[in-house]
C-alpha atoms as a PDB file:
ATOM      1  CA  UNK A   1    -106.705  -6.108  -5.596  1.00  0.00           C
ATOM      2  CA  UNK A   2    -104.765  -5.084  -2.565  1.00  0.00           C
ATOM      3  CA  UNK A   3    -101.606  -4.343  -4.577  1.00  0.00           C
ATOM      4  CA  UNK A   4    -103.283  -1.138  -4.891  1.00  0.00           C
ATOM      5  CA  UNK A   5    -102.388  -0.470  -1.144  1.00  0.00           C
ATOM      6  CA  UNK A   6     -98.901   0.118  -2.000  1.00  0.00           C
ATOM      7  CA  UNK A   7     -99.915   3.249  -3.496  1.00  0.00           C
ATOM      8  CA  UNK A   8    -101.221   4.685  -0.771  1.00  0.00           C
ATOM      9  CA  UNK A   9     -97.949   5.376   0.611  1.00  0.00           C
ATOM     10  CA  UNK A  10     -97.208   8.679  -1.553  1.00  0.00           C
ATOM     11  CA  UNK A  11    -101.012   9.565  -1.374  1.00  0.00           C
ATOM     12  CA  UNK A  12    -101.500   9.764   2.205  1.00  0.00           C
ATOM     13  CA  UNK A  13     -97.876   9.370   3.715  1.00  0.00           C
ATOM     14  CA  UNK A  14     -98.437   5.848   4.814  1.00  0.00           C
ATOM     15  CA  UNK A  15     -96.625   2.660   4.926  1.00  0.00           C
ATOM     16  CA  UNK A  16     -98.821  -0.094   4.992  1.00  0.00           C
ATOM     17  CA  UNK A  17     -97.784  -3.429   6.181  1.00  0.00           C
ATOM     18  CA  UNK A  18     -97.128  -6.212   4.221  1.00  0.00           C
ATOM     19  CA  UNK A  19     -99.119  -8.443   6.446  1.00  0.00           C
ATOM     20  CA  UNK A  20    -102.482  -6.532   5.426  1.00  0.00           C
ATOM     21  CA  UNK A  21    -101.389  -7.364   1.907  1.00  0.00           C
ATOM     22  CA  UNK A  22    -101.353 -10.844   2.203  1.00  0.00           C
ATOM     23  CA  UNK A  23    -104.769 -11.256   3.984  1.00  0.00           C
ATOM     24  CA  UNK A  24    -107.014 -11.312   1.091  1.00  0.00           C
ATOM     25  CA  UNK A  25    -107.169 -13.079  -2.344  1.00  0.00           C
ATOM     26  CA  UNK A  26    -109.150 -11.411  -5.292  1.00  0.00           C
ATOM     27  CA  UNK A  27    -111.995 -13.490  -4.978  1.00  0.00           C
ATOM     28  CA  UNK A  28    -112.244 -12.695  -1.078  1.00  0.00           C
ATOM     29  CA  UNK A  29    -111.964  -9.308  -1.341  1.00  0.00           C
ATOM     30  CA  UNK A  30    -114.971  -9.321  -3.996  1.00  0.00           C
ATOM     31  CA  UNK A  31    -117.069 -11.329  -1.535  1.00  0.00           C
ATOM     32  CA  UNK A  32    -116.415  -9.235   1.179  1.00  0.00           C
ATOM     33  CA  UNK A  33    -116.768  -5.672  -0.276  1.00  0.00           C
ATOM     34  CA  UNK A  34    -118.531  -6.102  -3.474  1.00  0.00           C
ATOM     35  CA  UNK A  35    -116.007  -4.613  -5.381  1.00  0.00           C
ATOM     36  CA  UNK A  36    -114.948  -6.093  -8.900  1.00  0.00           C
ATOM     37  CA  UNK A  37    -112.040  -5.804 -10.891  1.00  0.00           C
ATOM     38  CA  UNK A  38    -114.069  -3.081 -13.190  1.00  0.00           C
ATOM     39  CA  UNK A  39    -113.883  -0.802 -10.038  1.00  0.00           C
ATOM     40  CA  UNK A  40    -110.146  -0.873  -9.523  1.00  0.00           C
ATOM     41  CA  UNK A  41    -109.327   2.014 -11.719  1.00  0.00           C
ATOM     42  CA  UNK A  42    -112.015   4.287 -10.444  1.00  0.00           C
ATOM     43  CA  UNK A  43    -110.992   4.193  -6.624  1.00  0.00           C
ATOM     44  CA  UNK A  44    -108.461   6.252  -4.705  1.00  0.00           C
ATOM     45  CA  UNK A  45    -106.069   5.214  -2.171  1.00  0.00           C
ATOM     46  CA  UNK A  46    -108.268   6.385   0.477  1.00  0.00           C
ATOM     47  CA  UNK A  47    -111.428   4.371  -0.883  1.00  0.00           C
ATOM     48  CA  UNK A  48    -108.849   1.180  -0.691  1.00  0.00           C
ATOM     49  CA  UNK A  49    -108.041   1.803   2.683  1.00  0.00           C
ATOM     50  CA  UNK A  50    -111.751   2.353   3.920  1.00  0.00           C
ATOM     51  CA  UNK A  51    -112.417  -0.514   2.344  1.00  0.00           C
ATOM     52  CA  UNK A  52    -109.652  -2.753   3.959  1.00  0.00           C
ATOM     53  CA  UNK A  53    -110.971  -1.266   7.227  1.00  0.00           C
ATOM     54  CA  UNK A  54    -114.361  -1.913   6.377  1.00  0.00           C
ATOM     55  CA  UNK A  55    -114.122  -5.855   6.157  1.00  0.00           C
ATOM     56  CA  UNK A  56    -112.155  -5.875   9.432  1.00  0.00           C
ATOM     57  CA  UNK A  57    -115.230  -6.667  11.216  1.00  0.00           C
ATOM     58  CA  UNK A  58    -115.775  -9.932   9.236  1.00  0.00           C
ATOM     59  CA  UNK A  59    -112.512 -11.450  10.185  1.00  0.00           C
ATOM     60  CA  UNK A  60    -111.374 -12.884  13.535  1.00  0.00           C
ATOM     61  CA  UNK A  61    -110.869 -10.816  16.511  1.00  0.00           C
ATOM     62  CA  UNK A  62    -106.913 -11.473  16.928  1.00  0.00           C
ATOM     63  CA  UNK A  63    -106.703 -10.496  13.160  1.00  0.00           C
ATOM     64  CA  UNK A  64    -108.623  -7.598  13.574  1.00  0.00           C
ATOM     65  CA  UNK A  65    -106.448  -6.337  16.366  1.00  0.00           C
ATOM     66  CA  UNK A  66    -103.322  -7.182  14.689  1.00  0.00           C
ATOM     67  CA  UNK A  67    -104.344  -5.248  11.473  1.00  0.00           C
ATOM     68  CA  UNK A  68    -105.439  -2.202  13.198  1.00  0.00           C
ATOM     69  CA  UNK A  69    -102.154  -2.262  15.164  1.00  0.00           C
ATOM     70  CA  UNK A  70    -100.027  -2.258  12.068  1.00  0.00           C
ATOM     71  CA  UNK A  71    -102.235  -0.048  10.024  1.00  0.00           C
ATOM     72  CA  UNK A  72    -103.554   2.061  12.989  1.00  0.00           C
ATOM     73  CA  UNK A  73     -99.762   3.162  14.210  1.00  0.00           C
ATOM     74  CA  UNK A  74     -98.696   3.960  10.737  1.00  0.00           C
ATOM     75  CA  UNK A  75    -101.752   6.426  10.299  1.00  0.00           C
ATOM     76  CA  UNK A  76    -101.086   7.754  13.725  1.00  0.00           C
ATOM     77  CA  UNK A  77     -97.575   8.437  13.043  1.00  0.00           C
ATOM     78  CA  UNK A  78     -98.204  10.678  10.076  1.00  0.00           C
ATOM     79  CA  UNK A  79    -101.651  11.839  10.642  1.00  0.00           C
ATOM     80  CA  UNK A  80    -104.919  10.111   9.911  1.00  0.00           C
ATOM     81  CA  UNK A  81    -105.739  12.037   6.366  1.00  0.00           C
ATOM     82  CA  UNK A  82    -108.615  14.345   7.109  1.00  0.00           C
ATOM     83  CA  UNK A  83    -110.903  12.394   4.349  1.00  0.00           C
ATOM     84  CA  UNK A  84    -110.227   9.312   6.578  1.00  0.00           C
ATOM     85  CA  UNK A  85    -110.929  10.743   9.986  1.00  0.00           C
ATOM     86  CA  UNK A  86    -114.637   9.679   9.816  1.00  0.00           C
ATOM     87  CA  UNK A  87    -114.059   6.252   9.158  1.00  0.00           C
ATOM     88  CA  UNK A  88    -111.211   6.132  11.717  1.00  0.00           C
ATOM     89  CA  UNK A  89    -112.040   7.688  14.583  1.00  0.00           C
ATOM     90  CA  UNK A  90    -115.250   5.951  14.723  1.00  0.00           C
ATOM     91  CA  UNK A  91    -112.835   2.487  14.384  1.00  0.00           C
ATOM     92  CA  UNK A  92    -110.468   3.467  16.996  1.00  0.00           C
ATOM     93  CA  UNK A  93    -113.267   4.613  19.487  1.00  0.00           C
ATOM     94  CA  UNK A  94    -115.313   1.411  18.466  1.00  0.00           C
ATOM     95  CA  UNK A  95    -118.420   3.254  18.820  1.00  0.00           C
ATOM     96  CA  UNK A  96    -120.407   0.015  17.402  1.00  0.00           C
ATOM     97  CA  UNK A  97    -119.581  -1.931  20.439  1.00  0.00           C
ATOM     98  CA  UNK A  98    -121.015   1.087  22.593  1.00  0.00           C
ATOM     99  CA  UNK A  99    -124.282   1.388  20.524  1.00  0.00           C
ATOM    100  CA  UNK A 100    -124.583  -2.189  21.039  1.00  0.00           C
ATOM    101  CA  UNK A 101    -124.367  -2.068  24.732  1.00  0.00           C
ATOM    102  CA  UNK A 102    -126.811   1.188  25.232  1.00  0.00           C
ATOM    103  CA  UNK A 103    -129.038   0.623  22.188  1.00  0.00           C
ATOM    104  CA  UNK A 104    -128.601   2.226  18.769  1.00  0.00           C
ATOM    105  CA  UNK A 105    -131.692   4.157  19.604  1.00  0.00           C
ATOM    106  CA  UNK A 106    -130.367   5.748  22.474  1.00  0.00           C
ATOM    107  CA  UNK A 107    -128.889   9.014  20.502  1.00  0.00           C
ATOM    108  CA  UNK A 108    -132.524   9.461  19.069  1.00  0.00           C
ATOM    109  CA  UNK A 109    -133.992   9.461  22.627  1.00  0.00           C
ATOM    110  CA  UNK A 110    -131.009  11.694  24.253  1.00  0.00           C
ATOM    111  CA  UNK A 111    -131.208  13.876  21.509  1.00  0.00           C
ATOM    112  CA  UNK A 112    -134.292  15.758  22.831  1.00  0.00           C
ATOM    113  CA  UNK A 113    -132.337  16.736  25.959  1.00  0.00           C
ATOM    114  CA  UNK A 114    -135.048  15.307  28.401  1.00  0.00           C
ATOM    115  CA  UNK A 115    -134.008  15.393  31.948  1.00  0.00           C
ATOM    116  CA  UNK A 116    -131.049  18.166  31.538  1.00  0.00           C
ATOM    117  CA  UNK A 117    -130.659  20.278  34.248  1.00  0.00           C
ATOM    118  CA  UNK A 118    -131.376  24.230  33.316  1.00  0.00           C
ATOM    119  CA  UNK A 119    -127.875  25.209  35.015  1.00  0.00           C
ATOM    120  CA  UNK A 120    -126.172  22.220  32.608  1.00  0.00           C
ATOM    121  CA  UNK A 121    -128.209  23.860  29.511  1.00  0.00           C
ATOM    122  CA  UNK A 122    -127.009  27.261  30.186  1.00  0.00           C
ATOM    123  CA  UNK A 123    -123.529  26.368  30.258  1.00  0.00           C
ATOM    124  CA  UNK A 124    -123.554  24.692  27.004  1.00  0.00           C
ATOM    125  CA  UNK A 125    -125.243  27.473  25.186  1.00  0.00           C
ATOM    126  CA  UNK A 126    -122.698  30.032  26.573  1.00  0.00           C
ATOM    127  CA  UNK A 127    -119.616  27.593  25.646  1.00  0.00           C
ATOM    128  CA  UNK A 128    -120.848  26.437  22.281  1.00  0.00           C
ATOM    129  CA  UNK A 129    -120.946  30.201  21.331  1.00  0.00           C
ATOM    130  CA  UNK A 130    -117.182  30.287  22.501  1.00  0.00           C
ATOM    131  CA  UNK A 131    -116.103  27.341  20.398  1.00  0.00           C
ATOM    132  CA  UNK A 132    -114.042  27.729  17.406  1.00  0.00           C
ATOM    133  CA  UNK A 133    -115.819  31.365  16.936  1.00  0.00           C
ATOM    134  CA  UNK A 134    -113.415  31.683  13.768  1.00  0.00           C
ATOM    135  CA  UNK A 135    -113.746  28.371  11.871  1.00  0.00           C
ATOM    136  CA  UNK A 136    -116.241  28.644   8.891  1.00  0.00           C
ATOM    137  CA  UNK A 137    -118.275  25.544  10.274  1.00  0.00           C
ATOM    138  CA  UNK A 138    -118.968  27.314  13.372  1.00  0.00           C
ATOM    139  CA  UNK A 139    -119.288  30.893  12.060  1.00  0.00           C
ATOM    140  CA  UNK A 140    -121.593  30.295   8.948  1.00  0.00           C
ATOM    141  CA  UNK A 141    -122.524  26.546   8.782  1.00  0.00           C
ATOM    142  CA  UNK A 142    -124.797  25.667  11.529  1.00  0.00           C
ATOM    143  CA  UNK A 143    -121.992  24.034  13.457  1.00  0.00           C
ATOM    144  CA  UNK A 144    -123.122  25.664  16.727  1.00  0.00           C
ATOM    145  CA  UNK A 145    -126.582  24.069  16.155  1.00  0.00           C
ATOM    146  CA  UNK A 146    -124.960  20.670  15.657  1.00  0.00           C
ATOM    147  CA  UNK A 147    -122.601  21.245  18.953  1.00  0.00           C
ATOM    148  CA  UNK A 148    -125.373  21.989  20.858  1.00  0.00           C
ATOM    149  CA  UNK A 149    -127.376  18.867  19.781  1.00  0.00           C
ATOM    150  CA  UNK A 150    -124.536  16.877  20.670  1.00  0.00           C
ATOM    151  CA  UNK A 151    -123.509  18.317  24.075  1.00  0.00           C
ATOM    152  CA  UNK A 152    -127.783  18.152  25.451  1.00  0.00           C
ATOM    153  CA  UNK A 153    -127.676  14.844  24.112  1.00  0.00           C
ATOM    154  CA  UNK A 154    -124.700  13.696  26.111  1.00  0.00           C
ATOM    155  CA  UNK A 155    -126.007  15.509  29.205  1.00  0.00           C
ATOM    156  CA  UNK A 156    -129.325  13.981  29.162  1.00  0.00           C
ATOM    157  CA  UNK A 157    -127.312  10.630  28.726  1.00  0.00           C
ATOM    158  CA  UNK A 158    -125.242  11.013  31.680  1.00  0.00           C
ATOM    159  CA  UNK A 159    -127.150  13.524  34.219  1.00  0.00           C
ATOM    160  CA  UNK A 160    -124.359  13.354  36.643  1.00  0.00           C
ATOM    161  CA  UNK A 161    -121.790  14.492  34.857  1.00  0.00           C
ATOM    162  CA  UNK A 162    -124.011  16.741  32.481  1.00  0.00           C
ATOM    163  CA  UNK A 163    -121.789  19.144  31.184  1.00  0.00           C
ATOM    164  CA  UNK A 164    -118.099  20.640  32.166  1.00  0.00           C
ATOM    165  CA  UNK A 165    -115.961  22.644  30.343  1.00  0.00           C
ATOM    166  CA  UNK A 166    -113.895  21.175  27.899  1.00  0.00           C
ATOM    167  CA  UNK A 167    -116.132  19.051  26.534  1.00  0.00           C
ATOM    168  CA  UNK A 168    -117.310  21.300  23.895  1.00  0.00           C
ATOM    169  CA  UNK A 169    -113.853  21.920  22.144  1.00  0.00           C
ATOM    170  CA  UNK A 170    -113.516  17.683  22.307  1.00  0.00           C
ATOM    171  CA  UNK A 171    -117.218  17.662  20.296  1.00  0.00           C
ATOM    172  CA  UNK A 172    -116.263  20.361  18.388  1.00  0.00           C
ATOM    173  CA  UNK A 173    -113.516  18.919  16.644  1.00  0.00           C
ATOM    174  CA  UNK A 174    -115.374  15.556  15.980  1.00  0.00           C
ATOM    175  CA  UNK A 175    -117.965  17.549  14.362  1.00  0.00           C
ATOM    176  CA  UNK A 176    -115.021  19.918  12.339  1.00  0.00           C
ATOM    177  CA  UNK A 177    -113.706  16.884  10.758  1.00  0.00           C
ATOM    178  CA  UNK A 178    -116.921  15.427   9.550  1.00  0.00           C
ATOM    179  CA  UNK A 179    -118.573  13.493  11.873  1.00  0.00           C
ATOM    180  CA  UNK A 180    -122.236  13.314  12.028  1.00  0.00           C
ATOM    181  CA  UNK A 181    -124.080  14.779  15.152  1.00  0.00           C
ATOM    182  CA  UNK A 182    -125.045  10.835  15.854  1.00  0.00           C
ATOM    183  CA  UNK A 183    -121.256   9.581  15.143  1.00  0.00           C
ATOM    184  CA  UNK A 184    -119.754  12.338  17.558  1.00  0.00           C
ATOM    185  CA  UNK A 185    -122.486  11.646  20.544  1.00  0.00           C
ATOM    186  CA  UNK A 186    -121.159   8.011  20.192  1.00  0.00           C
ATOM    187  CA  UNK A 187    -117.709   8.979  20.333  1.00  0.00           C
ATOM    188  CA  UNK A 188    -118.393  11.292  23.314  1.00  0.00           C
ATOM    189  CA  UNK A 189    -120.095   8.268  25.138  1.00  0.00           C
ATOM    190  CA  UNK A 190    -116.918   5.735  24.198  1.00  0.00           C
ATOM    191  CA  UNK A 191    -114.390   8.756  25.554  1.00  0.00           C
ATOM    192  CA  UNK A 192    -116.073   8.827  29.021  1.00  0.00           C
ATOM    193  CA  UNK A 193    -116.843   5.559  29.559  1.00  0.00           C
ATOM    194  CA  UNK A 194    -114.132   3.443  27.623  1.00  0.00           C
ATOM    195  CA  UNK A 195    -111.537   2.317  30.074  1.00  0.00           C
ATOM    196  CA  UNK A 196    -108.739   2.946  27.591  1.00  0.00           C
ATOM    197  CA  UNK A 197    -109.780   6.858  27.589  1.00  0.00           C
ATOM    198  CA  UNK A 198    -111.595   7.696  30.950  1.00  0.00           C
ATOM    199  CA  UNK A 199    -112.520  11.028  30.202  1.00  0.00           C
ATOM    200  CA  UNK A 200    -115.348  11.095  32.353  1.00  0.00           C
ATOM    201  CA  UNK A 201    -113.268  11.338  35.542  1.00  0.00           C
ATOM    202  CA  UNK A 202    -111.118  14.083  33.696  1.00  0.00           C
ATOM    203  CA  UNK A 203    -114.364  15.941  32.906  1.00  0.00           C
ATOM    204  CA  UNK A 204    -115.500  15.502  36.239  1.00  0.00           C
ATOM    205  CA  UNK A 205    -112.744  14.496  38.770  1.00  0.00           C
ATOM    206  CA  UNK A 206    -115.082  14.931  41.661  1.00  0.00           C
ATOM    207  CA  UNK A 207    -117.046  12.127  40.375  1.00  0.00           C
ATOM    208  CA  UNK A 208    -113.791   9.606  39.890  1.00  0.00           C
ATOM    209  CA  UNK A 209    -110.523  11.392  40.967  1.00  0.00           C
ATOM    210  CA  UNK A 210    -108.496   8.014  40.235  1.00  0.00           C
ATOM    211  CA  UNK A 211    -108.217   8.785  36.417  1.00  0.00           C
ATOM    212  CA  UNK A 212    -107.233  12.375  37.138  1.00  0.00           C
ATOM    213  CA  UNK A 213    -104.594  11.537  39.801  1.00  0.00           C
ATOM    214  CA  UNK A 214    -103.242   8.692  37.546  1.00  0.00           C
ATOM    215  CA  UNK A 215    -102.341  11.000  34.249  1.00  0.00           C
ATOM    216  CA  UNK A 216    -100.979  13.294  36.932  1.00  0.00           C
ATOM    217  CA  UNK A 217     -98.633  10.469  38.468  1.00  0.00           C
ATOM    218  CA  UNK A 218     -97.481   9.877  34.909  1.00  0.00           C
ATOM    219  CA  UNK A 219     -96.901  12.978  33.860  1.00  0.00           C
ATOM    220  CA  UNK A 220     -94.782  13.778  37.210  1.00  0.00           C
ATOM    221  CA  UNK A 221     -92.862  10.530  36.834  1.00  0.00           C
ATOM    222  CA  UNK A 222     -91.399  12.064  33.553  1.00  0.00           C
ATOM    223  CA  UNK A 223     -90.590  15.312  34.911  1.00  0.00           C
ATOM    224  CA  UNK A 224     -89.053  13.751  37.937  1.00  0.00           C
ATOM    225  CA  UNK A 225     -86.434  12.379  35.586  1.00  0.00           C
ATOM    226  CA  UNK A 226     -85.768  15.416  33.227  1.00  0.00           C
ATOM    227  CA  UNK A 227     -86.538  18.578  35.778  1.00  0.00           C
ATOM    228  CA  UNK A 228     -86.055  17.493  39.099  1.00  0.00           C
ATOM    229  CA  UNK A 229     -85.869  20.917  40.285  1.00  0.00           C
ATOM    230  CA  UNK A 230     -89.059  21.814  39.057  1.00  0.00           C
ATOM    231  CA  UNK A 231     -91.013  18.660  40.896  1.00  0.00           C
ATOM    232  CA  UNK A 232     -88.915  20.194  43.888  1.00  0.00           C
ATOM    233  CA  UNK A 233     -90.495  23.598  43.807  1.00  0.00           C
ATOM    234  CA  UNK A 234     -94.258  22.046  43.078  1.00  0.00           C
ATOM    235  CA  UNK A 235     -93.710  20.021  46.295  1.00  0.00           C
ATOM    236  CA  UNK A 236     -92.770  23.278  48.287  1.00  0.00           C
ATOM    237  CA  UNK A 237     -95.198  25.467  46.448  1.00  0.00           C
ATOM    238  CA  UNK A 238     -98.541  26.240  48.716  1.00  0.00           C
ATOM    239  CA  UNK A 239    -100.639  26.316  45.709  1.00  0.00           C
ATOM    240  CA  UNK A 240    -102.075  22.993  44.128  1.00  0.00           C
ATOM    241  CA  UNK A 241     -99.845  23.841  41.053  1.00  0.00           C
ATOM    242  CA  UNK A 242     -99.908  20.596  39.211  1.00  0.00           C
ATOM    243  CA  UNK A 243    -103.878  20.611  39.078  1.00  0.00           C
ATOM    244  CA  UNK A 244    -103.692  24.155  38.031  1.00  0.00           C
ATOM    245  CA  UNK A 245    -101.435  23.251  35.140  1.00  0.00           C
ATOM    246  CA  UNK A 246    -103.245  20.467  33.855  1.00  0.00           C
ATOM    247  CA  UNK A 247    -106.937  21.744  34.558  1.00  0.00           C
ATOM    248  CA  UNK A 248    -106.409  24.031  30.886  1.00  0.00           C
ATOM    249  CA  UNK A 249    -105.185  21.083  28.717  1.00  0.00           C
ATOM    250  CA  UNK A 250    -106.726  17.953  29.926  1.00  0.00           C
ATOM    251  CA  UNK A 251    -110.489  18.353  29.740  1.00  0.00           C
ATOM    252  CA  UNK A 252    -110.406  20.036  25.952  1.00  0.00           C
ATOM    253  CA  UNK A 253    -107.638  17.641  25.242  1.00  0.00           C
ATOM    254  CA  UNK A 254    -105.344  20.319  23.927  1.00  0.00           C
ATOM    255  CA  UNK A 255    -108.461  21.334  21.543  1.00  0.00           C
ATOM    256  CA  UNK A 256    -108.687  24.594  23.021  1.00  0.00           C
ATOM    257  CA  UNK A 257    -104.808  25.532  22.666  1.00  0.00           C
ATOM    258  CA  UNK A 258    -103.469  23.885  19.440  1.00  0.00           C
ATOM    259  CA  UNK A 259    -104.329  25.147  15.879  1.00  0.00           C
ATOM    260  CA  UNK A 260    -107.090  22.835  14.752  1.00  0.00           C
ATOM    261  CA  UNK A 261    -105.061  20.339  12.506  1.00  0.00           C
ATOM    262  CA  UNK A 262    -102.542  20.051  15.407  1.00  0.00           C
ATOM    263  CA  UNK A 263    -105.313  19.209  17.639  1.00  0.00           C
ATOM    264  CA  UNK A 264    -106.836  16.585  15.189  1.00  0.00           C
ATOM    265  CA  UNK A 265    -103.224  14.956  15.036  1.00  0.00           C
ATOM    266  CA  UNK A 266    -103.429  14.910  18.580  1.00  0.00           C
ATOM    267  CA  UNK A 267    -107.049  13.187  18.440  1.00  0.00           C
ATOM    268  CA  UNK A 268    -105.299  10.802  16.490  1.00  0.00           C
ATOM    269  CA  UNK A 269    -103.015   9.376  18.797  1.00  0.00           C
ATOM    270  CA  UNK A 270    -105.065   9.728  21.750  1.00  0.00           C
ATOM    271  CA  UNK A 271    -108.077   7.916  20.157  1.00  0.00           C
ATOM    272  CA  UNK A 272    -105.586   4.724  19.160  1.00  0.00           C
ATOM    273  CA  UNK A 273    -103.047   4.783  21.989  1.00  0.00           C
ATOM    274  CA  UNK A 274    -104.800   6.297  25.024  1.00  0.00           C
ATOM    275  CA  UNK A 275    -103.027   8.812  27.577  1.00  0.00           C
ATOM    276  CA  UNK A 276     -99.546   7.974  26.637  1.00  0.00           C
ATOM    277  CA  UNK A 277     -99.411  10.938  24.005  1.00  0.00           C
ATOM    278  CA  UNK A 278    -101.274  13.256  26.050  1.00  0.00           C
ATOM    279  CA  UNK A 279     -98.773  12.623  28.784  1.00  0.00           C
ATOM    280  CA  UNK A 280     -95.878  13.066  26.407  1.00  0.00           C
ATOM    281  CA  UNK A 281     -97.049  16.294  24.910  1.00  0.00           C
ATOM    282  CA  UNK A 282     -97.974  17.671  28.808  1.00  0.00           C
ATOM    283  CA  UNK A 283     -94.645  16.349  30.045  1.00  0.00           C
ATOM    284  CA  UNK A 284     -92.646  18.239  26.855  1.00  0.00           C
ATOM    285  CA  UNK A 285     -94.648  21.805  27.500  1.00  0.00           C
ATOM    286  CA  UNK A 286     -94.007  21.923  31.024  1.00  0.00           C
ATOM    287  CA  UNK A 287     -90.021  20.706  30.726  1.00  0.00           C
ATOM    288  CA  UNK A 288     -89.737  23.513  27.782  1.00  0.00           C
ATOM    289  CA  UNK A 289     -91.417  26.548  29.909  1.00  0.00           C
ATOM    290  CA  UNK A 290     -89.387  25.757  32.897  1.00  0.00           C
ATOM    291  CA  UNK A 291     -86.053  25.589  31.327  1.00  0.00           C
ATOM    292  CA  UNK A 292     -86.678  28.721  29.263  1.00  0.00           C
ATOM    293  CA  UNK A 293     -87.722  30.677  32.545  1.00  0.00           C
ATOM    294  CA  UNK A 294     -84.949  33.510  33.300  1.00  0.00           C
ATOM    295  CA  UNK A 295     -84.291  31.506  36.450  1.00  0.00           C
ATOM    296  CA  UNK A 296     -85.180  28.037  38.136  1.00  0.00           C
ATOM    297  CA  UNK A 297     -85.718  29.755  41.279  1.00  0.00           C
ATOM    298  CA  UNK A 298     -88.729  32.494  40.904  1.00  0.00           C
ATOM    299  CA  UNK A 299     -89.669  34.826  43.438  1.00  0.00           C
ATOM    300  CA  UNK A 300     -92.178  33.433  45.705  1.00  0.00           C
ATOM    301  CA  UNK A 301     -94.724  35.900  44.979  1.00  0.00           C
ATOM    302  CA  UNK A 302     -95.926  34.063  42.045  1.00  0.00           C
ATOM    303  CA  UNK A 303     -97.178  30.534  41.839  1.00  0.00           C
ATOM    304  CA  UNK A 304     -95.839  27.977  39.652  1.00  0.00           C
ATOM    305  CA  UNK A 305     -98.699  28.059  37.390  1.00  0.00           C
ATOM    306  CA  UNK A 306     -98.916  31.495  36.894  1.00  0.00           C
ATOM    307  CA  UNK A 307     -95.483  31.473  35.770  1.00  0.00           C
ATOM    308  CA  UNK A 308     -95.532  28.745  33.118  1.00  0.00           C
ATOM    309  CA  UNK A 309     -99.075  28.519  32.051  1.00  0.00           C
ATOM    310  CA  UNK A 310     -98.498  31.437  29.469  1.00  0.00           C
ATOM    311  CA  UNK A 311     -95.231  29.932  28.283  1.00  0.00           C
ATOM    312  CA  UNK A 312     -97.135  26.800  27.651  1.00  0.00           C
ATOM    313  CA  UNK A 313     -99.826  28.453  25.762  1.00  0.00           C
ATOM    314  CA  UNK A 314     -97.371  30.227  23.563  1.00  0.00           C
ATOM    315  CA  UNK A 315     -95.308  27.025  22.818  1.00  0.00           C
ATOM    316  CA  UNK A 316     -98.641  25.479  21.638  1.00  0.00           C
ATOM    317  CA  UNK A 317     -99.393  28.047  19.329  1.00  0.00           C
ATOM    318  CA  UNK A 318     -96.034  28.493  18.117  1.00  0.00           C
ATOM    319  CA  UNK A 319     -94.561  25.117  17.998  1.00  0.00           C
ATOM    320  CA  UNK A 320     -97.574  23.054  17.625  1.00  0.00           C
ATOM    321  CA  UNK A 321     -96.092  20.684  15.039  1.00  0.00           C
ATOM    322  CA  UNK A 322     -92.675  20.064  16.493  1.00  0.00           C
ATOM    323  CA  UNK A 323     -94.951  19.200  20.077  1.00  0.00           C
ATOM    324  CA  UNK A 324     -97.067  15.998  18.335  1.00  0.00           C
ATOM    325  CA  UNK A 325     -93.786  15.287  16.399  1.00  0.00           C
ATOM    326  CA  UNK A 326     -91.461  15.124  20.129  1.00  0.00           C
ATOM    327  CA  UNK A 327     -94.780  12.910  21.603  1.00  0.00           C
ATOM    328  CA  UNK A 328     -94.741  10.420  18.958  1.00  0.00           C
ATOM    329  CA  UNK A 329     -91.107  10.176  18.919  1.00  0.00           C
ATOM    330  CA  UNK A 330     -90.913   9.686  22.630  1.00  0.00           C
ATOM    331  CA  UNK A 331     -93.537   6.843  22.138  1.00  0.00           C
ATOM    332  CA  UNK A 332     -92.048   4.857  19.668  1.00  0.00           C
ATOM    333  CA  UNK A 333     -89.816   2.630  21.571  1.00  0.00           C
ATOM    334  CA  UNK A 334     -92.574   1.568  23.871  1.00  0.00           C
ATOM    335  CA  UNK A 335     -95.378   1.189  21.207  1.00  0.00           C
ATOM    336  CA  UNK A 336     -93.457  -0.645  18.235  1.00  0.00           C
ATOM    337  CA  UNK A 337     -92.885  -4.483  18.704  1.00  0.00           C
END
């Protein structure tokens, strides 16, 4: 049965670890998945991979981590196939763990929006209309209603945070890739409260500034090795250039700047690996923008962010695939064993 995994490569541009292929016998696969040999010819490569991940919970934790790392890295390297994102994103973010922690019924209670501040609800309504307005899902297929439900439910779940700009694009990208309202809600819970992602400190640095400062430190550490002249300039800039440069990108995880498929690729990497690929892309964007300026000693009449941000926005629109490839290649030597 598992020999079918060898054929996933041409279908989804994956190279699956031999480790996965050696983990099951035919009888065990049938016992775990309910599949028989008669089902083999009916399944696509995507079906088989989904089945492989569906049984991870029935194996030991260490085995699960090992397989998730081997297969997950290859999924992320080539991009998770769109048809698999519903399964893989929920797995990467461990939403079942969060359901158990807070109660599976939380979504039903939060969805009614009880306790949401009027100001937060007003900001949600305003931003929902501005989220992916040109995509058919949000333009014609009721996507705005689903997005509103997810954001209101999260604001009810976390009234101290409520809603901040950037959350709508992240939640919208989850819905665009096929996740249900409930799954998108639990993904937002995982992103905000999971130590690996810690988005709560990015969506609202005033609540917990440590995450924001740590991301900024990592970006500036790379920049100091690549473009020290830029770092020196920001240190002399009277404006808080670092925060102003990061703010348009971090809260939305690039979802408001990259084309939709490239933004989804960004989330593939972020959900599985955490902040390293985001830091890599930010450092790359800033470096390219700085080096493409007419001079590295601009006049004092304009601050650093005002000079760099338009160049960075253009780079996101025009060179998005190159940016995501660069982020992955930069990380390979630090991730793979």
